[in-house]
C-alpha atoms as a PDB file:
ATOM      1  CA  UNK A   1      13.338 -14.134   8.595  1.00  0.00           C
ATOM      2  CA  UNK A   2      15.917 -15.011  11.228  1.00  0.00           C
ATOM      3  CA  UNK A   3      17.405 -17.720   9.009  1.00  0.00           C
ATOM      4  CA  UNK A   4      18.579 -15.146   6.459  1.00  0.00           C
ATOM      5  CA  UNK A   5      21.622 -13.437   7.945  1.00  0.00           C
ATOM      6  CA  UNK A   6      23.465 -12.146   4.868  1.00  0.00           C
ATOM      7  CA  UNK A   7      22.579  -9.428   2.406  1.00  0.00           C
ATOM      8  CA  UNK A   8      20.482 -10.582  -0.552  1.00  0.00           C
ATOM      9  CA  UNK A   9      21.212  -9.086  -4.018  1.00  0.00           C
ATOM     10  CA  UNK A  10      18.029  -8.168  -5.884  1.00  0.00           C
ATOM     11  CA  UNK A  11      16.793  -6.111  -8.817  1.00  0.00           C
ATOM     12  CA  UNK A  12      13.816  -3.768  -8.630  1.00  0.00           C
ATOM     13  CA  UNK A  13      11.877  -3.725 -11.913  1.00  0.00           C
ATOM     14  CA  UNK A  14       8.656  -2.216 -13.151  1.00  0.00           C
ATOM     15  CA  UNK A  15       6.318  -3.399 -15.858  1.00  0.00           C
ATOM     16  CA  UNK A  16       3.864  -0.664 -16.843  1.00  0.00           C
ATOM     17  CA  UNK A  17       3.434   0.355 -13.202  1.00  0.00           C
ATOM     18  CA  UNK A  18       3.577  -3.090 -11.597  1.00  0.00           C
ATOM     19  CA  UNK A  19       6.782  -3.203  -9.534  1.00  0.00           C
ATOM     20  CA  UNK A  20       8.648  -6.320  -8.451  1.00  0.00           C
ATOM     21  CA  UNK A  21      11.660  -7.483  -6.492  1.00  0.00           C
ATOM     22  CA  UNK A  22      13.541 -10.141  -8.486  1.00  0.00           C
ATOM     23  CA  UNK A  23      16.143 -12.424  -6.924  1.00  0.00           C
ATOM     24  CA  UNK A  24      18.420 -14.843  -8.758  1.00  0.00           C
ATOM     25  CA  UNK A  25      17.720 -17.798  -6.477  1.00  0.00           C
ATOM     26  CA  UNK A  26      19.370 -20.536  -8.516  1.00  0.00           C
ATOM     27  CA  UNK A  27      21.631 -21.288  -5.555  1.00  0.00           C
ATOM     28  CA  UNK A  28      18.500 -21.538  -3.353  1.00  0.00           C
ATOM     29  CA  UNK A  29      19.717 -18.877  -0.927  1.00  0.00           C
ATOM     30  CA  UNK A  30      16.020 -18.369  -0.154  1.00  0.00           C
ATOM     31  CA  UNK A  31      14.493 -21.694   0.843  1.00  0.00           C
ATOM     32  CA  UNK A  32      10.978 -22.712  -0.245  1.00  0.00           C
ATOM     33  CA  UNK A  33       9.749 -22.096   3.291  1.00  0.00           C
ATOM     34  CA  UNK A  34      11.181 -18.564   3.401  1.00  0.00           C
ATOM     35  CA  UNK A  35       9.686 -17.243   0.162  1.00  0.00           C
ATOM     36  CA  UNK A  36       6.283 -16.290   1.545  1.00  0.00           C
ATOM     37  CA  UNK A  37       7.627 -14.414   4.555  1.00  0.00           C
ATOM     38  CA  UNK A  38      10.359 -12.725   2.526  1.00  0.00           C
ATOM     39  CA  UNK A  39       7.715 -11.396   0.136  1.00  0.00           C
ATOM     40  CA  UNK A  40       5.454 -10.192   2.935  1.00  0.00           C
ATOM     41  CA  UNK A  41       8.261  -8.336   4.715  1.00  0.00           C
ATOM     42  CA  UNK A  42      10.292  -7.025   1.764  1.00  0.00           C
ATOM     43  CA  UNK A  43       7.257  -5.831  -0.230  1.00  0.00           C
ATOM     44  CA  UNK A  44       6.058  -3.534   2.564  1.00  0.00           C
ATOM     45  CA  UNK A  45       6.184   0.043   1.351  1.00  0.00           C
ATOM     46  CA  UNK A  46       7.996   2.553   3.596  1.00  0.00           C
ATOM     47  CA  UNK A  47       9.067  -0.206   6.014  1.00  0.00           C
ATOM     48  CA  UNK A  48      11.150  -2.089   3.440  1.00  0.00           C
ATOM     49  CA  UNK A  49      11.811  -1.979  -0.303  1.00  0.00           C
ATOM     50  CA  UNK A  50       8.144  -2.031  -1.316  1.00  0.00           C
ATOM     51  CA  UNK A  51       6.698  -3.834  -4.327  1.00  0.00           C
ATOM     52  CA  UNK A  52       3.603  -5.532  -5.720  1.00  0.00           C
ATOM     53  CA  UNK A  53       5.350  -8.884  -5.664  1.00  0.00           C
ATOM     54  CA  UNK A  54       8.499 -10.954  -5.261  1.00  0.00           C
ATOM     55  CA  UNK A  55       9.958 -13.174  -7.993  1.00  0.00           C
ATOM     56  CA  UNK A  56      12.485 -15.923  -7.256  1.00  0.00           C
ATOM     57  CA  UNK A  57      14.352 -17.229 -10.317  1.00  0.00           C
ATOM     58  CA  UNK A  58      15.351 -20.893  -9.917  1.00  0.00           C
ATOM     59  CA  UNK A  59      16.748 -23.774 -11.950  1.00  0.00           C
ATOM     60  CA  UNK A  60      14.493 -26.019 -14.000  1.00  0.00           C
ATOM     61  CA  UNK A  61      15.546 -29.250 -15.767  1.00  0.00           C
ATOM     62  CA  UNK A  62      13.324 -28.751 -18.823  1.00  0.00           C
ATOM     63  CA  UNK A  63      13.141 -24.992 -19.452  1.00  0.00           C
ATOM     64  CA  UNK A  64      15.605 -22.094 -19.260  1.00  0.00           C
ATOM     65  CA  UNK A  65      14.566 -21.397 -15.670  1.00  0.00           C
ATOM     66  CA  UNK A  66      11.625 -21.567 -13.288  1.00  0.00           C
ATOM     67  CA  UNK A  67      10.069 -18.881 -11.160  1.00  0.00           C
ATOM     68  CA  UNK A  68       8.192 -18.676  -7.920  1.00  0.00           C
ATOM     69  CA  UNK A  69       5.937 -15.647  -7.682  1.00  0.00           C
ATOM     70  CA  UNK A  70       4.630 -14.217  -4.416  1.00  0.00           C
ATOM     71  CA  UNK A  71       2.137 -11.403  -3.992  1.00  0.00           C
ATOM     72  CA  UNK A  72       2.882  -8.638  -1.518  1.00  0.00           C
ATOM     73  CA  UNK A  73       0.816 -10.395   1.166  1.00  0.00           C
ATOM     74  CA  UNK A  74       2.985 -13.524   0.889  1.00  0.00           C
ATOM     75  CA  UNK A  75       0.488 -15.613  -1.054  1.00  0.00           C
ATOM     76  CA  UNK A  76       1.944 -17.583  -3.954  1.00  0.00           C
ATOM     77  CA  UNK A  77       0.277 -16.885  -7.300  1.00  0.00           C
ATOM     78  CA  UNK A  78       0.075 -19.065 -10.374  1.00  0.00           C
ATOM     79  CA  UNK A  79       0.863 -16.294 -12.843  1.00  0.00           C
ATOM     80  CA  UNK A  80       1.501 -12.569 -13.258  1.00  0.00           C
ATOM     81  CA  UNK A  81       1.730 -11.157 -16.770  1.00  0.00           C
ATOM     82  CA  UNK A  82       3.765  -8.047 -15.993  1.00  0.00           C
ATOM     83  CA  UNK A  83       5.934 -10.032 -13.588  1.00  0.00           C
ATOM     84  CA  UNK A  84       6.582 -12.568 -16.328  1.00  0.00           C
ATOM     85  CA  UNK A  85       7.737  -9.836 -18.692  1.00  0.00           C
ATOM     86  CA  UNK A  86      10.073  -8.410 -16.043  1.00  0.00           C
ATOM     87  CA  UNK A  87      11.422 -11.881 -15.255  1.00  0.00           C
ATOM     88  CA  UNK A  88      12.087 -12.439 -18.954  1.00  0.00           C
ATOM     89  CA  UNK A  89      14.156  -9.272 -19.300  1.00  0.00           C
ATOM     90  CA  UNK A  90      15.920  -9.973 -15.983  1.00  0.00           C
ATOM     91  CA  UNK A  91      16.991 -13.363 -17.353  1.00  0.00           C
ATOM     92  CA  UNK A  92      18.552 -11.706 -20.401  1.00  0.00           C
ATOM     93  CA  UNK A  93      20.258  -8.943 -18.405  1.00  0.00           C
ATOM     94  CA  UNK A  94      21.744 -11.377 -15.878  1.00  0.00           C
ATOM     95  CA  UNK A  95      22.905 -13.904 -18.473  1.00  0.00           C
ATOM     96  CA  UNK A  96      20.558 -16.630 -17.256  1.00  0.00           C
ATOM     97  CA  UNK A  97      19.733 -17.176 -20.914  1.00  0.00           C
ATOM     98  CA  UNK A  98      21.034 -15.612 -24.125  1.00  0.00           C
ATOM     99  CA  UNK A  99      18.383 -17.030 -26.422  1.00  0.00           C
ATOM    100  CA  UNK A 100      16.216 -14.792 -28.592  1.00  0.00           C
ATOM    101  CA  UNK A 101      13.217 -16.891 -27.616  1.00  0.00           C
ATOM    102  CA  UNK A 102      13.115 -18.918 -24.425  1.00  0.00           C
ATOM    103  CA  UNK A 103      10.769 -20.501 -21.907  1.00  0.00           C
ATOM    104  CA  UNK A 104      10.307 -20.684 -18.168  1.00  0.00           C
ATOM    105  CA  UNK A 105       8.106 -22.607 -15.794  1.00  0.00           C
ATOM    106  CA  UNK A 106       5.327 -21.110 -13.642  1.00  0.00           C
ATOM    107  CA  UNK A 107       2.560 -22.685 -11.587  1.00  0.00           C
ATOM    108  CA  UNK A 108       0.223 -21.813 -14.477  1.00  0.00           C
ATOM    109  CA  UNK A 109       2.395 -23.707 -16.962  1.00  0.00           C
ATOM    110  CA  UNK A 110       5.387 -23.076 -19.232  1.00  0.00           C
ATOM    111  CA  UNK A 111       5.646 -19.520 -20.568  1.00  0.00           C
ATOM    112  CA  UNK A 112       7.321 -18.626 -23.870  1.00  0.00           C
ATOM    113  CA  UNK A 113       9.099 -15.250 -23.979  1.00  0.00           C
ATOM    114  CA  UNK A 114      11.127 -12.931 -26.165  1.00  0.00           C
ATOM    115  CA  UNK A 115      12.903  -9.680 -25.305  1.00  0.00           C
ATOM    116  CA  UNK A 116      13.851  -6.774 -27.557  1.00  0.00           C
ATOM    117  CA  UNK A 117      15.526  -3.904 -25.758  1.00  0.00           C
ATOM    118  CA  UNK A 118      13.220  -2.755 -22.972  1.00  0.00           C
ATOM    119  CA  UNK A 119      10.203  -4.494 -24.519  1.00  0.00           C
ATOM    120  CA  UNK A 120       9.281  -7.975 -23.350  1.00  0.00           C
ATOM    121  CA  UNK A 121       6.596 -10.190 -24.862  1.00  0.00           C
ATOM    122  CA  UNK A 122       5.271 -13.351 -23.260  1.00  0.00           C
ATOM    123  CA  UNK A 123       2.995 -16.015 -24.707  1.00  0.00           C
ATOM    124  CA  UNK A 124       0.414 -16.653 -22.039  1.00  0.00           C
ATOM    125  CA  UNK A 125      -1.036 -19.989 -21.014  1.00  0.00           C
ATOM    126  CA  UNK A 126      -4.356 -21.027 -22.536  1.00  0.00           C
ATOM    127  CA  UNK A 127      -7.212 -18.927 -21.086  1.00  0.00           C
ATOM    128  CA  UNK A 128     -10.020 -21.000 -19.636  1.00  0.00           C
ATOM    129  CA  UNK A 129     -13.335 -20.823 -17.860  1.00  0.00           C
ATOM    130  CA  UNK A 130     -14.887 -18.012 -19.927  1.00  0.00           C
ATOM    131  CA  UNK A 131     -18.266 -17.242 -18.390  1.00  0.00           C
ATOM    132  CA  UNK A 132     -20.093 -14.085 -19.516  1.00  0.00           C
ATOM    133  CA  UNK A 133     -22.888 -12.216 -17.772  1.00  0.00           C
ATOM    134  CA  UNK A 134     -22.538 -13.383 -14.183  1.00  0.00           C
ATOM    135  CA  UNK A 135     -25.052 -11.501 -12.061  1.00  0.00           C
ATOM    136  CA  UNK A 136     -24.079 -10.684  -8.485  1.00  0.00           C
ATOM    137  CA  UNK A 137     -25.112  -8.119  -5.908  1.00  0.00           C
ATOM    138  CA  UNK A 138     -22.512  -5.756  -4.454  1.00  0.00           C
ATOM    139  CA  UNK A 139     -23.506  -3.240  -1.796  1.00  0.00           C
ATOM    140  CA  UNK A 140     -27.173  -3.649  -2.626  1.00  0.00           C
ATOM    141  CA  UNK A 141     -26.544  -3.021  -6.327  1.00  0.00           C
ATOM    142  CA  UNK A 142     -26.656  -5.592  -9.099  1.00  0.00           C
ATOM    143  CA  UNK A 143     -23.605  -6.027 -11.312  1.00  0.00           C
ATOM    144  CA  UNK A 144     -23.046  -8.070 -14.469  1.00  0.00           C
ATOM    145  CA  UNK A 145     -19.542  -9.508 -14.699  1.00  0.00           C
ATOM    146  CA  UNK A 146     -17.626 -11.528 -17.265  1.00  0.00           C
ATOM    147  CA  UNK A 147     -15.276 -14.140 -15.817  1.00  0.00           C
ATOM    148  CA  UNK A 148     -12.162 -15.704 -17.344  1.00  0.00           C
ATOM    149  CA  UNK A 149      -9.015 -17.340 -16.006  1.00  0.00           C
ATOM    150  CA  UNK A 150      -5.941 -15.924 -17.767  1.00  0.00           C
ATOM    151  CA  UNK A 151      -3.499 -17.793 -15.543  1.00  0.00           C
ATOM    152  CA  UNK A 152      -5.269 -16.378 -12.494  1.00  0.00           C
ATOM    153  CA  UNK A 153      -9.014 -15.694 -12.100  1.00  0.00           C
ATOM    154  CA  UNK A 154     -10.482 -12.367 -13.223  1.00  0.00           C
ATOM    155  CA  UNK A 155     -13.990 -10.922 -13.079  1.00  0.00           C
ATOM    156  CA  UNK A 156     -14.507  -7.968 -15.443  1.00  0.00           C
ATOM    157  CA  UNK A 157     -17.083  -5.178 -15.172  1.00  0.00           C
ATOM    158  CA  UNK A 158     -17.567  -2.947 -18.229  1.00  0.00           C
ATOM    159  CA  UNK A 159     -18.398   0.662 -17.504  1.00  0.00           C
ATOM    160  CA  UNK A 160     -20.562   2.775 -19.773  1.00  0.00           C
ATOM    161  CA  UNK A 161     -18.197   5.724 -20.016  1.00  0.00           C
ATOM    162  CA  UNK A 162     -14.627   6.771 -19.203  1.00  0.00           C
ATOM    163  CA  UNK A 163     -16.088   9.086 -16.545  1.00  0.00           C
ATOM    164  CA  UNK A 164     -17.736   6.130 -14.807  1.00  0.00           C
ATOM    165  CA  UNK A 165     -14.432   4.249 -14.930  1.00  0.00           C
ATOM    166  CA  UNK A 166     -12.544   7.235 -13.517  1.00  0.00           C
ATOM    167  CA  UNK A 167     -15.003   7.728 -10.656  1.00  0.00           C
ATOM    168  CA  UNK A 168     -15.381   4.032  -9.809  1.00  0.00           C
ATOM    169  CA  UNK A 169     -14.574   3.030  -6.221  1.00  0.00           C
ATOM    170  CA  UNK A 170     -12.039   0.458  -7.358  1.00  0.00           C
ATOM    171  CA  UNK A 171     -10.949  -0.612  -3.885  1.00  0.00           C
ATOM    172  CA  UNK A 172     -14.457  -0.791  -2.399  1.00  0.00           C
ATOM    173  CA  UNK A 173     -16.116  -2.509  -5.357  1.00  0.00           C
ATOM    174  CA  UNK A 174     -13.042  -4.551  -6.158  1.00  0.00           C
ATOM    175  CA  UNK A 175     -12.727  -5.902  -2.624  1.00  0.00           C
ATOM    176  CA  UNK A 176     -16.420  -6.830  -2.570  1.00  0.00           C
ATOM    177  CA  UNK A 177     -16.088  -8.735  -5.867  1.00  0.00           C
ATOM    178  CA  UNK A 178     -12.787 -10.326  -4.846  1.00  0.00           C
ATOM    179  CA  UNK A 179     -14.360 -11.842  -1.715  1.00  0.00           C
ATOM    180  CA  UNK A 180     -17.865 -12.436  -3.118  1.00  0.00           C
ATOM    181  CA  UNK A 181     -19.225 -15.904  -2.379  1.00  0.00           C
ATOM    182  CA  UNK A 182     -19.693 -16.507  -6.111  1.00  0.00           C
ATOM    183  CA  UNK A 183     -15.905 -16.689  -6.537  1.00  0.00           C
ATOM    184  CA  UNK A 184     -14.928 -18.585  -3.412  1.00  0.00           C
ATOM    185  CA  UNK A 185     -12.886 -20.298  -2.167  1.00  0.00           C
ATOM    186  CA  UNK A 186     -10.044 -18.993  -4.346  1.00  0.00           C
ATOM    187  CA  UNK A 187     -11.433 -15.490  -4.785  1.00  0.00           C
ATOM    188  CA  UNK A 188     -10.860 -13.429  -7.904  1.00  0.00           C
ATOM    189  CA  UNK A 189      -9.150 -10.337  -9.222  1.00  0.00           C
ATOM    190  CA  UNK A 190     -11.615  -7.581 -10.123  1.00  0.00           C
ATOM    191  CA  UNK A 191     -11.227  -5.533 -13.305  1.00  0.00           C
ATOM    192  CA  UNK A 192     -13.100  -2.432 -14.414  1.00  0.00           C
ATOM    193  CA  UNK A 193     -12.933  -1.643 -18.123  1.00  0.00           C
ATOM    194  CA  UNK A 194     -14.077   0.799 -20.770  1.00  0.00           C
ATOM    195  CA  UNK A 195     -13.877   0.060 -24.495  1.00  0.00           C
ATOM    196  CA  UNK A 196     -12.879   3.086 -26.555  1.00  0.00           C
ATOM    197  CA  UNK A 197     -12.975   1.465 -29.994  1.00  0.00           C
ATOM    198  CA  UNK A 198     -12.179  -1.838 -31.725  1.00  0.00           C
ATOM    199  CA  UNK A 199      -8.496  -1.681 -30.814  1.00  0.00           C
ATOM    200  CA  UNK A 200      -8.332   0.476 -27.675  1.00  0.00           C
ATOM    201  CA  UNK A 201      -9.617   0.180 -24.133  1.00  0.00           C
ATOM    202  CA  UNK A 202      -8.840   1.131 -20.543  1.00  0.00           C
ATOM    203  CA  UNK A 203      -8.568  -1.258 -17.587  1.00  0.00           C
ATOM    204  CA  UNK A 204      -8.231  -0.705 -13.842  1.00  0.00           C
ATOM    205  CA  UNK A 205      -7.635  -3.692 -11.539  1.00  0.00           C
ATOM    206  CA  UNK A 206      -8.069  -4.583  -7.888  1.00  0.00           C
ATOM    207  CA  UNK A 207      -5.503  -7.357  -7.419  1.00  0.00           C
ATOM    208  CA  UNK A 208      -6.026 -10.365  -5.216  1.00  0.00           C
ATOM    209  CA  UNK A 209      -2.965 -10.780  -3.003  1.00  0.00           C
ATOM    210  CA  UNK A 210      -1.981  -7.123  -3.248  1.00  0.00           C
ATOM    211  CA  UNK A 211      -5.453  -6.257  -1.885  1.00  0.00           C
ATOM    212  CA  UNK A 212      -5.442  -2.862  -3.565  1.00  0.00           C
ATOM    213  CA  UNK A 213      -5.627  -1.259  -6.976  1.00  0.00           C
ATOM    214  CA  UNK A 214      -2.346  -1.614  -8.847  1.00  0.00           C
ATOM    215  CA  UNK A 215      -1.101   0.720 -11.567  1.00  0.00           C
ATOM    216  CA  UNK A 216      -1.267  -2.134 -14.064  1.00  0.00           C
ATOM    217  CA  UNK A 217      -2.144  -5.819 -14.184  1.00  0.00           C
ATOM    218  CA  UNK A 218      -1.067  -7.858 -17.195  1.00  0.00           C
ATOM    219  CA  UNK A 219      -3.443 -10.772 -16.698  1.00  0.00           C
ATOM    220  CA  UNK A 220      -6.197  -8.249 -15.913  1.00  0.00           C
ATOM    221  CA  UNK A 221      -5.603  -6.373 -19.157  1.00  0.00           C
ATOM    222  CA  UNK A 222      -5.738  -9.688 -20.992  1.00  0.00           C
ATOM    223  CA  UNK A 223      -8.966 -10.589 -19.199  1.00  0.00           C
ATOM    224  CA  UNK A 224     -10.482  -7.253 -20.193  1.00  0.00           C
ATOM    225  CA  UNK A 225      -9.435  -7.637 -23.825  1.00  0.00           C
ATOM    226  CA  UNK A 226     -10.603 -11.247 -24.159  1.00  0.00           C
ATOM    227  CA  UNK A 227     -13.991 -10.774 -22.496  1.00  0.00           C
ATOM    228  CA  UNK A 228     -14.527  -7.663 -24.632  1.00  0.00           C
ATOM    229  CA  UNK A 229     -13.576  -9.679 -27.722  1.00  0.00           C
ATOM    230  CA  UNK A 230     -15.975 -12.448 -26.697  1.00  0.00           C
ATOM    231  CA  UNK A 231     -18.736  -9.813 -26.703  1.00  0.00           C
ATOM    232  CA  UNK A 232     -17.693  -8.496 -30.122  1.00  0.00           C
ATOM    233  CA  UNK A 233     -16.438  -5.187 -28.727  1.00  0.00           C
ATOM    234  CA  UNK A 234     -12.759  -5.414 -29.743  1.00  0.00           C
ATOM    235  CA  UNK A 235     -10.478  -7.186 -32.189  1.00  0.00           C
ATOM    236  CA  UNK A 236      -6.802  -8.176 -31.932  1.00  0.00           C
ATOM    237  CA  UNK A 237      -4.488  -6.421 -31.306  1.00  0.00           C
ATOM    238  CA  UNK A 238      -5.865  -4.394 -28.412  1.00  0.00           C
ATOM    239  CA  UNK A 239      -3.950  -1.517 -26.830  1.00  0.00           C
ATOM    240  CA  UNK A 240      -4.891  -1.273 -23.170  1.00  0.00           C
ATOM    241  CA  UNK A 241      -4.299   1.958 -21.267  1.00  0.00           C
ATOM    242  CA  UNK A 242      -3.376   1.169 -17.662  1.00  0.00           C
ATOM    243  CA  UNK A 243      -3.666   3.332 -14.565  1.00  0.00           C
ATOM    244  CA  UNK A 244       0.058   4.151 -14.793  1.00  0.00           C
ATOM    245  CA  UNK A 245      -0.558   5.852 -18.133  1.00  0.00           C
ATOM    246  CA  UNK A 246       1.439   3.202 -19.967  1.00  0.00           C
ATOM    247  CA  UNK A 247      -0.019   0.909 -22.605  1.00  0.00           C
ATOM    248  CA  UNK A 248       0.044  -2.868 -22.837  1.00  0.00           C
ATOM    249  CA  UNK A 249      -0.691  -4.609 -26.133  1.00  0.00           C
ATOM    250  CA  UNK A 250      -2.710  -7.827 -26.209  1.00  0.00           C
ATOM    251  CA  UNK A 251      -2.526 -10.139 -29.232  1.00  0.00           C
ATOM    252  CA  UNK A 252      -4.838 -13.140 -29.561  1.00  0.00           C
ATOM    253  CA  UNK A 253      -6.761 -15.413 -31.867  1.00  0.00           C
ATOM    254  CA  UNK A 254     -10.499 -15.734 -31.316  1.00  0.00           C
ATOM    255  CA  UNK A 255     -11.956 -19.179 -31.989  1.00  0.00           C
ATOM    256  CA  UNK A 256     -15.683 -19.710 -32.562  1.00  0.00           C
ATOM    257  CA  UNK A 257     -17.099 -23.237 -32.307  1.00  0.00           C
ATOM    258  CA  UNK A 258     -20.861 -23.061 -32.509  1.00  0.00           C
ATOM    259  CA  UNK A 259     -22.020 -20.974 -29.561  1.00  0.00           C
ATOM    260  CA  UNK A 260     -18.715 -21.425 -27.756  1.00  0.00           C
ATOM    261  CA  UNK A 261     -15.948 -18.808 -27.808  1.00  0.00           C
ATOM    262  CA  UNK A 262     -12.357 -19.579 -26.878  1.00  0.00           C
ATOM    263  CA  UNK A 263      -8.963 -17.972 -27.421  1.00  0.00           C
ATOM    264  CA  UNK A 264      -5.506 -19.131 -28.452  1.00  0.00           C
ATOM    265  CA  UNK A 265      -2.094 -17.583 -29.179  1.00  0.00           C
ATOM    266  CA  UNK A 266      -2.475 -14.950 -26.460  1.00  0.00           C
ATOM    267  CA  UNK A 267       0.514 -12.611 -26.147  1.00  0.00           C
ATOM    268  CA  UNK A 268       1.192  -9.782 -23.690  1.00  0.00           C
ATOM    269  CA  UNK A 269       3.613  -7.080 -24.881  1.00  0.00           C
ATOM    270  CA  UNK A 270       4.966  -4.014 -23.107  1.00  0.00           C
ATOM    271  CA  UNK A 271       7.864  -2.295 -21.394  1.00  0.00           C
ATOM    272  CA  UNK A 272       9.910  -3.952 -18.624  1.00  0.00           C
ATOM    273  CA  UNK A 273      12.335  -1.508 -17.045  1.00  0.00           C
ATOM    274  CA  UNK A 274      15.045  -1.797 -14.420  1.00  0.00           C
ATOM    275  CA  UNK A 275      14.752   0.612 -11.494  1.00  0.00           C
ATOM    276  CA  UNK A 276      17.930  -0.427  -9.677  1.00  0.00           C
ATOM    277  CA  UNK A 277      20.143  -3.256  -8.433  1.00  0.00           C
ATOM    278  CA  UNK A 278      20.712  -3.357  -4.672  1.00  0.00           C
ATOM    279  CA  UNK A 279      21.148  -5.570  -1.616  1.00  0.00           C
ATOM    280  CA  UNK A 280      18.413  -6.381   0.876  1.00  0.00           C
ATOM    281  CA  UNK A 281      19.665  -6.245   4.471  1.00  0.00           C
ATOM    282  CA  UNK A 282      18.246  -8.675   6.996  1.00  0.00           C
ATOM    283  CA  UNK A 283      17.456  -5.852   9.464  1.00  0.00           C
ATOM    284  CA  UNK A 284      14.573  -4.681   7.239  1.00  0.00           C
ATOM    285  CA  UNK A 285      13.106  -8.205   7.267  1.00  0.00           C
ATOM    286  CA  UNK A 286      11.514  -7.871  10.662  1.00  0.00           C
ATOM    287  CA  UNK A 287       7.812  -7.812  11.397  1.00  0.00           C
END
């Protein structure tokens, strides 16, 4: 990051346990070429600020703003539900928009958002690619997964009990699913879920790009809720307990057309809190 010589103002935010560095980049202080490396270096825990991802807020001619989202490993992702909620509240706090309802552009499409206090709700892009009951082998053991793309790809495994979910080797199993040949070349996020009742469930996620379990994953919670709904296990709204102990609420409409199930009007709702405002010094941006 030798090209960045000055201090960079940023905000650290957390959305149900997902933490992000958010930079108002409307003046393009961080060039397109620098985004990946900035994310990789600044998101390192203990060596720099530490976060699950980096969000750059930029100008857009058709919406209130655009974002570029980078995972902690520097890879650019199409969408992040919790990141989107944090970006929405950041935009209100920093005066980027003062609208009650507004929109911003992501690689997954245009996202509609609204903010009320510390709660941010985003209307997600249309889920696609629902594929139930995919059989794969992981570590010599067969697994049945449900796949759906909720802005990014997710493969969901439903456990038989909360004890099984608690004891699951999320990193080991998740990594094996993430890199399984069935989901190449893009790979997939891996979610492990337990349905408590028609309106409550738990989800743990191994995130592609972070390459670890995160305390929450918005698109993963949506994937868990929608695949469970496709199987008749839950109904909207669904409260999803995340690993952080916080709850995300998923709203959706289930559409049945013959034997085909699809979803529309998918909303992700939950807290988006500011941790602090600070400046990133260039001396921490060294490999």
